[in-house]
């Protein structure tokens, strides 16, 4: 039962990848300065249709991830299990699947398990192996590797986790296309406690994953931490390296991926990594699905979690053929953040770093600038229910306020209070 749903999820993921490739091809065409206005309009309409299709596919993927939970509620398991005459291996496997699903979608009373990371990691890895959701490296994989054999040899010589992170930063930046055109950033958060483990905003128990990837509007820049006593680390750093933390806890559902580095992967490292996911997904405001990359000097694990519980692990080596593609495709991209980028592109605006201003009942507000450096508040809403109609209503109210007060508009959102000069 779970295998069929998993297969459907893989098919949807492949369809999403195909749509994204088509969108990228269109974007390349639109960059051609010789393209006619007629062709430009045609390709933009085609892009809009593809983005709508992509949004529908992403919604379908979310529905599939919850389908097995609904099947649990509808399947009369007690009557089946009580009837020993039909207790076949098939039903035993089905019971194991259902137990695993229940565990993966349930939210405990607290996010942190009452176990050491080592014992928790060993237990979870054993559970996933038992249901066939641990996939070992593919020695015959095709495609580009993340590292060459020579680069891998250099990585193996490193002595600290900080050095491992510094060495791999440019490679990860390239794989995940974290550059100016994508507006994605790879953020080093090794020494900044931003991942909450309790309701206390400034808890000393907050955690600090080594890295994460997000839209540049969602992170807060910090000064690089001191490389005290490690001259090699100081030499390995680049001026383009980004250090910081997630700018607001409510933005965790928009993270593309969270990364954790170790000299050598262990049960303890795995337990620590899936603990991150448990805290990120804790409470209803957290994401349903979190993807994490646990890596060391030789390999990386692609860890997917649902409701804070590990659902699958795929192990890869840096030098494996096709490892680059596997890593790149593992990243999540939220449709609402894509809307932010598309709106900025169409309106000739530039999203700012740490540009999150707040969230209302049904949308997010970001600080953006036009080509003259004038700041605007840009509100992004999902196209569901009555959100668009409500946004139009708010626009009418704002225009009326502008008519009565032509020199200054003050925008207020939850957890924020920012003002912007008149741009008329």
Foldseek 3Di string as FASTA:
>chain_A
DVVVLVVVLVVLLVVLVVLVVVLVVLVVVLVPPPDDPVVNVVSVVVNVVSLVVNVVSVVVSVVSLCVLVVVLVVDPVVVQVVPPVNCDPVVVLVVLVNVVSCVQADFDPFLDDPDALLVQLVVQVVSCVVNPFEAEADQPAAAAFLDAPVLLVVLLPDDFQLQNCLSCVVSVCVLQVQDDVVQKAKAAFQPPQCQDRDPDRPDPPGDTAGIFMAGQQFWDFDDDDDPPPCVVSVVSHDPPHTYTGGLDLLCLQQTFETEHEDQDDHSSQSSVVLSSLSSQLPDPSHHQKHWYWYDHSFWIWIWIGGNSRTDHIYIYTSRHHPNSVVVNSSTDHDSQVVVVVVVCVVVQKAFDGNFWAADAPFWTWGWIAHPVRFIDIDITGDPDDCVVVVVVVVVVVQVVVCVVPVFWDWDDHPPHTDTGGHPD
